[in-house]
Amino acid sequence: MKKALSMFLFAATFLTASAAFAQSPNYDAGPVWRVTYYSIKPGQGDAFWKDFRENFKPIYDEFKKTGLITDYKAFTNPVTDHPHDWDIAVAVMYPNWAALDELDAKGASIATKHYGTREAMIEAGKKRADLREVIASHLAREVTPK
């Protein structure tokens, strides 16, 4: 009985501590964003946007319908700081950190369905290297200051 009570108290303390640790007195945690920054290769702007409209947009829209992502946005950079600066950023909003884990398993089947086969999906990914270069990809937690 003592052992069971000890285990219960340990579990209760652990769960309470992890919940307290996750909260901040400074802000409320919101969704998680992945922002990927691209440098478009010379003369490939129209091809990039065509690929975005025909492939990324329908896949992201399907991700939203199934709840894998909450939203997505695209941004353009009107001012470059250096020759290898980013031109376009694509931000994808996930409801929480756990949604990132689900995306690999569930998202792959949606993307494969869009392209028809896994091989076609891989080939499309290879062709994107001719259109753009990934400058950076960052994860950020949206917060609301208290």
N, C-alpha and C. Protein backbone atom coordinates (compact mmCIF):
# COMPACT_ATOMS: atom_id res chain seq x y z
N MET A 1 0.82 -1.18 0.00
CA MET A 1 0.00 0.00 0.00
C MET A 1 0.88 1.26 0.00
N LYS A 2 1.96 1.22 0.82
CA LYS A 2 2.86 2.36 0.87
C LYS A 2 3.49 2.63 -0.49
N LYS A 3 3.85 1.55 -1.18
CA LYS A 3 4.48 1.70 -2.49
C LYS A 3 3.51 2.33 -3.49
N ALA A 4 2.26 1.90 -3.48
CA ALA A 4 1.26 2.46 -4.39
C ALA A 4 1.01 3.93 -4.08
N LEU A 5 0.96 4.28 -2.79
CA LEU A 5 0.76 5.67 -2.40
C LEU A 5 1.95 6.52 -2.82
N SER A 6 3.15 5.99 -2.67
CA SER A 6 4.35 6.72 -3.08
C SER A 6 4.35 6.97 -4.58
N MET A 7 4.00 5.95 -5.35
CA MET A 7 3.95 6.10 -6.80
C MET A 7 2.89 7.13 -7.20
N PHE A 8 1.75 7.11 -6.53
CA PHE A 8 0.70 8.07 -6.84
C PHE A 8 1.17 9.50 -6.55
N LEU A 9 1.78 9.69 -5.39
CA LEU A 9 2.27 11.03 -5.03
C LEU A 9 3.35 11.50 -5.99
N PHE A 10 4.24 10.59 -6.40
CA PHE A 10 5.28 10.95 -7.36
C PHE A 10 4.66 11.38 -8.69
N ALA A 11 3.69 10.61 -9.18
CA ALA A 11 3.04 10.93 -10.45
C ALA A 11 2.29 12.25 -10.35
N ALA A 12 1.59 12.47 -9.26
CA ALA A 12 0.85 13.72 -9.08
C ALA A 12 1.80 14.92 -9.03
N THR A 13 2.91 14.76 -8.32
CA THR A 13 3.90 15.84 -8.25
C THR A 13 4.50 16.11 -9.62
N PHE A 14 4.83 15.06 -10.35
CA PHE A 14 5.43 15.20 -11.68
C PHE A 14 4.47 15.91 -12.63
N LEU A 15 3.21 15.50 -12.64
CA LEU A 15 2.24 16.12 -13.54
C LEU A 15 1.97 17.57 -13.18
N THR A 16 1.91 17.87 -11.90
CA THR A 16 1.70 19.25 -11.47
C THR A 16 2.90 20.12 -11.83
N ALA A 17 4.09 19.59 -11.64
CA ALA A 17 5.31 20.35 -11.95
C ALA A 17 5.42 20.61 -13.44
N SER A 18 5.10 19.63 -14.28
CA SER A 18 5.22 19.84 -15.71
C SER A 18 4.18 20.84 -16.20
N ALA A 19 2.98 20.85 -15.61
CA ALA A 19 1.96 21.82 -16.00
C ALA A 19 2.39 23.23 -15.59
N ALA A 20 2.96 23.36 -14.40
CA ALA A 20 3.42 24.66 -13.93
C ALA A 20 4.59 25.15 -14.77
N PHE A 21 5.44 24.23 -15.17
CA PHE A 21 6.61 24.59 -15.98
C PHE A 21 6.19 25.11 -17.35
N ALA A 22 5.12 24.58 -17.90
CA ALA A 22 4.68 24.94 -19.24
C ALA A 22 4.03 26.32 -19.28
N GLN A 23 3.58 26.83 -18.14
CA GLN A 23 2.91 28.12 -18.10
C GLN A 23 3.94 29.21 -17.83
N SER A 24 3.65 30.40 -18.32
CA SER A 24 4.53 31.54 -18.10
C SER A 24 3.74 32.68 -17.49
N PRO A 25 4.33 33.39 -16.55
CA PRO A 25 3.64 34.54 -15.99
C PRO A 25 3.65 35.74 -16.97
N ASN A 26 4.41 35.63 -18.04
CA ASN A 26 4.59 36.74 -18.97
C ASN A 26 3.71 36.68 -20.21
N TYR A 27 3.27 35.48 -20.60
CA TYR A 27 2.49 35.34 -21.82
C TYR A 27 1.69 34.05 -21.80
N ASP A 28 0.68 34.01 -22.67
CA ASP A 28 -0.09 32.80 -22.92
C ASP A 28 0.42 32.19 -24.22
N ALA A 29 0.69 30.91 -24.20
CA ALA A 29 1.22 30.22 -25.38
C ALA A 29 0.13 30.01 -26.41
N GLY A 30 0.49 30.20 -27.65
CA GLY A 30 -0.44 30.02 -28.75
C GLY A 30 0.03 28.94 -29.70
N PRO A 31 -0.32 29.05 -30.96
CA PRO A 31 0.05 28.04 -31.95
C PRO A 31 1.54 28.09 -32.28
N VAL A 32 1.98 27.09 -33.01
CA VAL A 32 3.37 26.97 -33.44
C VAL A 32 3.46 27.28 -34.93
N TRP A 33 4.44 28.07 -35.31
CA TRP A 33 4.65 28.43 -36.71
C TRP A 33 5.96 27.85 -37.22
N ARG A 34 5.96 27.34 -38.45
CA ARG A 34 7.19 27.03 -39.16
C ARG A 34 7.26 28.01 -40.31
N VAL A 35 8.34 28.79 -40.34
CA VAL A 35 8.54 29.76 -41.41
C VAL A 35 9.76 29.34 -42.21
N THR A 36 9.56 29.13 -43.50
CA THR A 36 10.65 28.74 -44.40
C THR A 36 10.91 29.89 -45.35
N TYR A 37 12.18 30.28 -45.44
CA TYR A 37 12.58 31.41 -46.26
C TYR A 37 13.26 30.90 -47.52
N TYR A 38 12.82 31.39 -48.68
CA TYR A 38 13.34 30.95 -49.96
C TYR A 38 14.00 32.09 -50.72
N SER A 39 15.08 31.78 -51.41
CA SER A 39 15.67 32.67 -52.39
C SER A 39 15.30 32.10 -53.75
N ILE A 40 14.56 32.88 -54.53
CA ILE A 40 14.12 32.41 -55.85
C ILE A 40 15.26 32.60 -56.84
N LYS A 41 15.55 31.57 -57.60
CA LYS A 41 16.63 31.66 -58.58
C LYS A 41 16.23 32.61 -59.71
N PRO A 42 17.21 33.27 -60.33
CA PRO A 42 16.91 34.26 -61.38
C PRO A 42 16.00 33.68 -62.47
N GLY A 43 14.96 34.44 -62.78
CA GLY A 43 14.03 34.05 -63.84
C GLY A 43 13.04 32.97 -63.46
N GLN A 44 13.01 32.55 -62.19
CA GLN A 44 12.15 31.44 -61.78
C GLN A 44 10.96 31.86 -60.92
N GLY A 45 10.72 33.16 -60.82
CA GLY A 45 9.61 33.63 -59.98
C GLY A 45 8.26 33.11 -60.42
N ASP A 46 7.95 33.21 -61.72
CA ASP A 46 6.65 32.72 -62.20
C ASP A 46 6.52 31.21 -62.02
N ALA A 47 7.60 30.48 -62.24
CA ALA A 47 7.57 29.02 -62.07
C ALA A 47 7.36 28.66 -60.59
N PHE A 48 7.98 29.42 -59.69
CA PHE A 48 7.80 29.18 -58.26
C PHE A 48 6.33 29.34 -57.89
N TRP A 49 5.73 30.47 -58.30
CA TRP A 49 4.34 30.72 -57.94
C TRP A 49 3.38 29.73 -58.61
N LYS A 50 3.71 29.28 -59.82
CA LYS A 50 2.89 28.26 -60.49
C LYS A 50 2.92 26.97 -59.67
N ASP A 51 4.11 26.56 -59.23
CA ASP A 51 4.25 25.37 -58.40
C ASP A 51 3.51 25.54 -57.08
N PHE A 52 3.60 26.72 -56.51
CA PHE A 52 2.91 26.99 -55.25
C PHE A 52 1.39 26.83 -55.43
N ARG A 53 0.84 27.46 -56.48
CA ARG A 53 -0.61 27.38 -56.74
C ARG A 53 -1.07 25.96 -57.03
N GLU A 54 -0.29 25.23 -57.84
CA GLU A 54 -0.72 23.91 -58.29
C GLU A 54 -0.45 22.80 -57.28
N ASN A 55 0.54 22.99 -56.42
CA ASN A 55 0.92 21.91 -55.51
C ASN A 55 0.79 22.26 -54.03
N PHE A 56 1.49 23.29 -53.59
CA PHE A 56 1.46 23.60 -52.17
C PHE A 56 0.09 24.05 -51.70
N LYS A 57 -0.54 24.95 -52.43
CA LYS A 57 -1.83 25.48 -51.99
C LYS A 57 -2.88 24.38 -51.83
N PRO A 58 -3.06 23.50 -52.82
CA PRO A 58 -4.07 22.44 -52.62
C PRO A 58 -3.73 21.50 -51.45
N ILE A 59 -2.44 21.22 -51.28
CA ILE A 59 -2.05 20.34 -50.17
C ILE A 59 -2.28 21.04 -48.84
N TYR A 60 -1.86 22.31 -48.73
CA TYR A 60 -2.08 23.05 -47.49
C TYR A 60 -3.57 23.20 -47.20
N ASP A 61 -4.37 23.44 -48.23
CA ASP A 61 -5.82 23.53 -48.02
C ASP A 61 -6.39 22.22 -47.49
N GLU A 62 -5.90 21.12 -48.01
CA GLU A 62 -6.35 19.81 -47.51
C GLU A 62 -5.87 19.58 -46.08
N PHE A 63 -4.64 20.00 -45.77
CA PHE A 63 -4.14 19.91 -44.40
C PHE A 63 -5.06 20.69 -43.45
N LYS A 64 -5.52 21.87 -43.89
CA LYS A 64 -6.41 22.67 -43.05
C LYS A 64 -7.74 21.94 -42.83
N LYS A 65 -8.28 21.35 -43.90
CA LYS A 65 -9.56 20.63 -43.79
C LYS A 65 -9.47 19.49 -42.78
N THR A 66 -8.33 18.80 -42.78
CA THR A 66 -8.18 17.66 -41.88
C THR A 66 -7.69 18.05 -40.50
N GLY A 67 -7.38 19.33 -40.30
CA GLY A 67 -6.95 19.80 -38.98
C GLY A 67 -5.46 19.62 -38.70
N LEU A 68 -4.69 19.22 -39.70
CA LEU A 68 -3.24 19.06 -39.48
C LEU A 68 -2.55 20.41 -39.29
N ILE A 69 -3.04 21.43 -40.00
CA ILE A 69 -2.53 22.78 -39.80
C ILE A 69 -3.72 23.70 -39.57
N THR A 70 -3.44 24.85 -38.99
CA THR A 70 -4.50 25.82 -38.73
C THR A 70 -4.59 26.85 -39.84
N ASP A 71 -3.43 27.23 -40.39
CA ASP A 71 -3.40 28.25 -41.44
C ASP A 71 -2.04 28.23 -42.12
N TYR A 72 -1.93 28.98 -43.20
CA TYR A 72 -0.65 29.19 -43.88
C TYR A 72 -0.68 30.54 -44.54
N LYS A 73 0.50 31.12 -44.71
CA LYS A 73 0.62 32.44 -45.33
C LYS A 73 1.91 32.49 -46.14
N ALA A 74 1.93 33.36 -47.13
CA ALA A 74 3.14 33.60 -47.90
C ALA A 74 3.49 35.09 -47.79
N PHE A 75 4.78 35.37 -47.74
CA PHE A 75 5.26 36.75 -47.60
C PHE A 75 6.32 37.00 -48.67
N THR A 76 6.38 38.24 -49.14
CA THR A 76 7.46 38.64 -50.04
C THR A 76 8.35 39.62 -49.31
N ASN A 77 9.61 39.64 -49.68
CA ASN A 77 10.59 40.52 -49.05
C ASN A 77 10.83 41.72 -49.98
N PRO A 78 10.33 42.90 -49.63
CA PRO A 78 10.49 44.05 -50.51
C PRO A 78 11.88 44.69 -50.46
N VAL A 79 12.66 44.35 -49.43
CA VAL A 79 13.98 44.95 -49.27
C VAL A 79 14.99 43.85 -48.99
N THR A 80 16.00 43.75 -49.82
CA THR A 80 17.03 42.74 -49.58
C THR A 80 18.22 43.38 -48.90
N ASP A 81 18.78 42.69 -47.92
CA ASP A 81 19.93 43.18 -47.17
C ASP A 81 21.25 42.73 -47.77
N HIS A 82 21.22 41.63 -48.49
CA HIS A 82 22.44 41.08 -49.10
C HIS A 82 22.04 40.22 -50.29
N PRO A 83 22.99 39.87 -51.16
CA PRO A 83 22.65 39.13 -52.40
C PRO A 83 21.96 37.79 -52.18
N HIS A 84 22.17 37.14 -51.05
CA HIS A 84 21.57 35.83 -50.81
C HIS A 84 20.43 35.90 -49.80
N ASP A 85 19.79 37.06 -49.73
CA ASP A 85 18.67 37.25 -48.82
C ASP A 85 17.45 36.49 -49.36
N TRP A 86 16.44 36.34 -48.53
CA TRP A 86 15.24 35.63 -48.94
C TRP A 86 14.33 36.52 -49.78
N ASP A 87 13.58 35.88 -50.67
CA ASP A 87 12.61 36.57 -51.53
C ASP A 87 11.18 36.30 -51.07
N ILE A 88 10.93 35.05 -50.71
CA ILE A 88 9.58 34.62 -50.32
C ILE A 88 9.70 33.77 -49.06
N ALA A 89 8.78 34.02 -48.13
CA ALA A 89 8.71 33.20 -46.92
C ALA A 89 7.33 32.55 -46.90
N VAL A 90 7.29 31.29 -46.51
CA VAL A 90 6.03 30.57 -46.37
C VAL A 90 5.92 30.15 -44.91
N ALA A 91 4.83 30.59 -44.27
CA ALA A 91 4.60 30.29 -42.86
C ALA A 91 3.42 29.34 -42.73
N VAL A 92 3.60 28.29 -41.96
CA VAL A 92 2.55 27.31 -41.73
C VAL A 92 2.28 27.27 -40.23
N MET A 93 1.01 27.45 -39.85
CA MET A 93 0.63 27.47 -38.44
C MET A 93 0.04 26.12 -38.02
N TYR A 94 0.61 25.57 -36.95
CA TYR A 94 0.15 24.31 -36.37
C TYR A 94 -0.54 24.63 -35.05
N PRO A 95 -1.58 23.89 -34.70
CA PRO A 95 -2.29 24.21 -33.45
C PRO A 95 -1.42 24.07 -32.20
N ASN A 96 -0.44 23.14 -32.24
CA ASN A 96 0.42 22.90 -31.08
C ASN A 96 1.64 22.08 -31.53
N TRP A 97 2.53 21.82 -30.60
CA TRP A 97 3.74 21.05 -30.94
C TRP A 97 3.41 19.64 -31.40
N ALA A 98 2.40 19.02 -30.81
CA ALA A 98 2.05 17.64 -31.16
C ALA A 98 1.62 17.52 -32.62
N ALA A 99 1.04 18.57 -33.16
CA ALA A 99 0.58 18.54 -34.55
C ALA A 99 1.75 18.36 -35.52
N LEU A 100 2.93 18.82 -35.14
CA LEU A 100 4.11 18.63 -35.99
C LEU A 100 4.44 17.14 -36.13
N ASP A 101 4.27 16.41 -35.04
CA ASP A 101 4.53 14.97 -35.08
C ASP A 101 3.53 14.24 -35.96
N GLU A 102 2.29 14.66 -35.93
CA GLU A 102 1.24 14.01 -36.72
C GLU A 102 1.40 14.27 -38.21
N LEU A 103 2.00 15.41 -38.55
CA LEU A 103 2.08 15.79 -39.96
C LEU A 103 2.85 14.78 -40.80
N ASP A 104 3.93 14.23 -40.28
CA ASP A 104 4.72 13.28 -41.07
C ASP A 104 3.88 12.09 -41.52
N ALA A 105 3.17 11.49 -40.59
CA ALA A 105 2.41 10.29 -40.93
C ALA A 105 1.17 10.61 -41.76
N LYS A 106 0.38 11.55 -41.29
CA LYS A 106 -0.89 11.85 -41.97
C LYS A 106 -0.70 12.72 -43.21
N GLY A 107 0.25 13.63 -43.16
CA GLY A 107 0.47 14.54 -44.27
C GLY A 107 1.02 13.86 -45.50
N ALA A 108 1.85 12.85 -45.31
CA ALA A 108 2.44 12.14 -46.44
C ALA A 108 1.37 11.49 -47.31
N SER A 109 0.34 10.94 -46.70
CA SER A 109 -0.71 10.30 -47.51
C SER A 109 -1.50 11.34 -48.30
N ILE A 110 -1.72 12.52 -47.73
CA ILE A 110 -2.43 13.59 -48.45
C ILE A 110 -1.59 14.07 -49.62
N ALA A 111 -0.29 14.28 -49.39
CA ALA A 111 0.60 14.75 -50.46
C ALA A 111 0.72 13.71 -51.56
N THR A 112 0.86 12.45 -51.19
CA THR A 112 0.97 11.39 -52.19
C THR A 112 -0.31 11.30 -53.02
N LYS A 113 -1.44 11.46 -52.38
CA LYS A 113 -2.72 11.43 -53.11
C LYS A 113 -2.76 12.58 -54.12
N HIS A 114 -2.28 13.76 -53.73
CA HIS A 114 -2.27 14.91 -54.64
C HIS A 114 -1.41 14.65 -55.87
N TYR A 115 -0.21 14.10 -55.67
CA TYR A 115 0.72 13.87 -56.78
C TYR A 115 0.42 12.59 -57.56
N GLY A 116 -0.33 11.69 -56.97
CA GLY A 116 -0.67 10.44 -57.65
C GLY A 116 0.17 9.27 -57.19
N THR A 117 1.48 9.47 -57.09
CA THR A 117 2.37 8.42 -56.60
C THR A 117 3.45 9.05 -55.74
N ARG A 118 4.07 8.22 -54.93
CA ARG A 118 5.18 8.69 -54.09
C ARG A 118 6.34 9.13 -54.97
N GLU A 119 6.58 8.42 -56.04
CA GLU A 119 7.68 8.75 -56.95
C GLU A 119 7.47 10.12 -57.60
N ALA A 120 6.23 10.42 -58.01
CA ALA A 120 5.92 11.71 -58.61
C ALA A 120 6.12 12.83 -57.59
N MET A 121 5.78 12.57 -56.33
CA MET A 121 5.97 13.54 -55.27
C MET A 121 7.47 13.83 -55.07
N ILE A 122 8.28 12.79 -55.06
CA ILE A 122 9.72 12.94 -54.88
C ILE A 122 10.32 13.68 -56.07
N GLU A 123 9.88 13.35 -57.27
CA GLU A 123 10.39 14.02 -58.47
C GLU A 123 10.04 15.51 -58.47
N ALA A 124 8.84 15.85 -58.04
CA ALA A 124 8.44 17.27 -57.96
C ALA A 124 9.33 18.01 -56.96
N GLY A 125 9.66 17.34 -55.86
CA GLY A 125 10.55 17.94 -54.87
C GLY A 125 11.93 18.20 -55.43
N LYS A 126 12.43 17.28 -56.24
CA LYS A 126 13.75 17.47 -56.87
C LYS A 126 13.74 18.64 -57.84
N LYS A 127 12.65 18.80 -58.60
CA LYS A 127 12.55 19.89 -59.56
C LYS A 127 12.52 21.26 -58.88
N ARG A 128 12.04 21.30 -57.64
CA ARG A 128 11.98 22.58 -56.93
C ARG A 128 13.36 23.16 -56.69
N ALA A 129 14.36 22.33 -56.65
CA ALA A 129 15.73 22.81 -56.45
C ALA A 129 16.16 23.71 -57.61
N ASP A 130 15.55 23.55 -58.77
CA ASP A 130 15.85 24.41 -59.92
C ASP A 130 15.17 25.78 -59.79
N LEU A 131 14.17 25.88 -58.93
CA LEU A 131 13.38 27.11 -58.80
C LEU A 131 13.84 28.00 -57.66
N ARG A 132 14.24 27.38 -56.57
CA ARG A 132 14.54 28.16 -55.38
C ARG A 132 15.54 27.44 -54.49
N GLU A 133 16.08 28.21 -53.55
CA GLU A 133 17.00 27.68 -52.55
C GLU A 133 16.41 27.99 -51.18
N VAL A 134 16.44 27.02 -50.29
CA VAL A 134 15.96 27.26 -48.93
C VAL A 134 17.07 28.01 -48.18
N ILE A 135 16.74 29.21 -47.72
CA ILE A 135 17.69 30.03 -46.97
C ILE A 135 17.69 29.64 -45.50
N ALA A 136 16.49 29.45 -44.95
CA ALA A 136 16.36 29.08 -43.54
C ALA A 136 14.97 28.54 -43.30
N SER A 137 14.83 27.79 -42.22
CA SER A 137 13.54 27.31 -41.78
C SER A 137 13.54 27.36 -40.26
N HIS A 138 12.58 28.07 -39.69
CA HIS A 138 12.56 28.28 -38.24
C HIS A 138 11.21 27.90 -37.65
N LEU A 139 11.25 27.39 -36.44
CA LEU A 139 10.04 27.15 -35.66
C LEU A 139 9.92 28.27 -34.63
N ALA A 140 8.69 28.75 -34.43
CA ALA A 140 8.45 29.79 -33.42
C ALA A 140 7.10 29.55 -32.76
N ARG A 141 7.03 29.82 -31.49
CA ARG A 141 5.77 29.70 -30.75
C ARG A 141 5.14 31.08 -30.67
N GLU A 142 3.93 31.21 -31.16
CA GLU A 142 3.21 32.48 -31.05
C GLU A 142 2.77 32.64 -29.59
N VAL A 143 2.95 33.83 -29.05
CA VAL A 143 2.54 34.08 -27.67
C VAL A 143 1.76 35.38 -27.61
N THR A 144 0.90 35.45 -26.60
CA THR A 144 0.14 36.67 -26.32
C THR A 144 0.62 37.21 -24.99
N PRO A 145 1.29 38.37 -24.98
CA PRO A 145 1.78 38.92 -23.72
C PRO A 145 0.63 39.18 -22.74
N LYS A 146 0.90 38.95 -21.48
CA LYS A 146 -0.13 39.17 -20.43
C LYS A 146 -0.07 40.61 -19.97
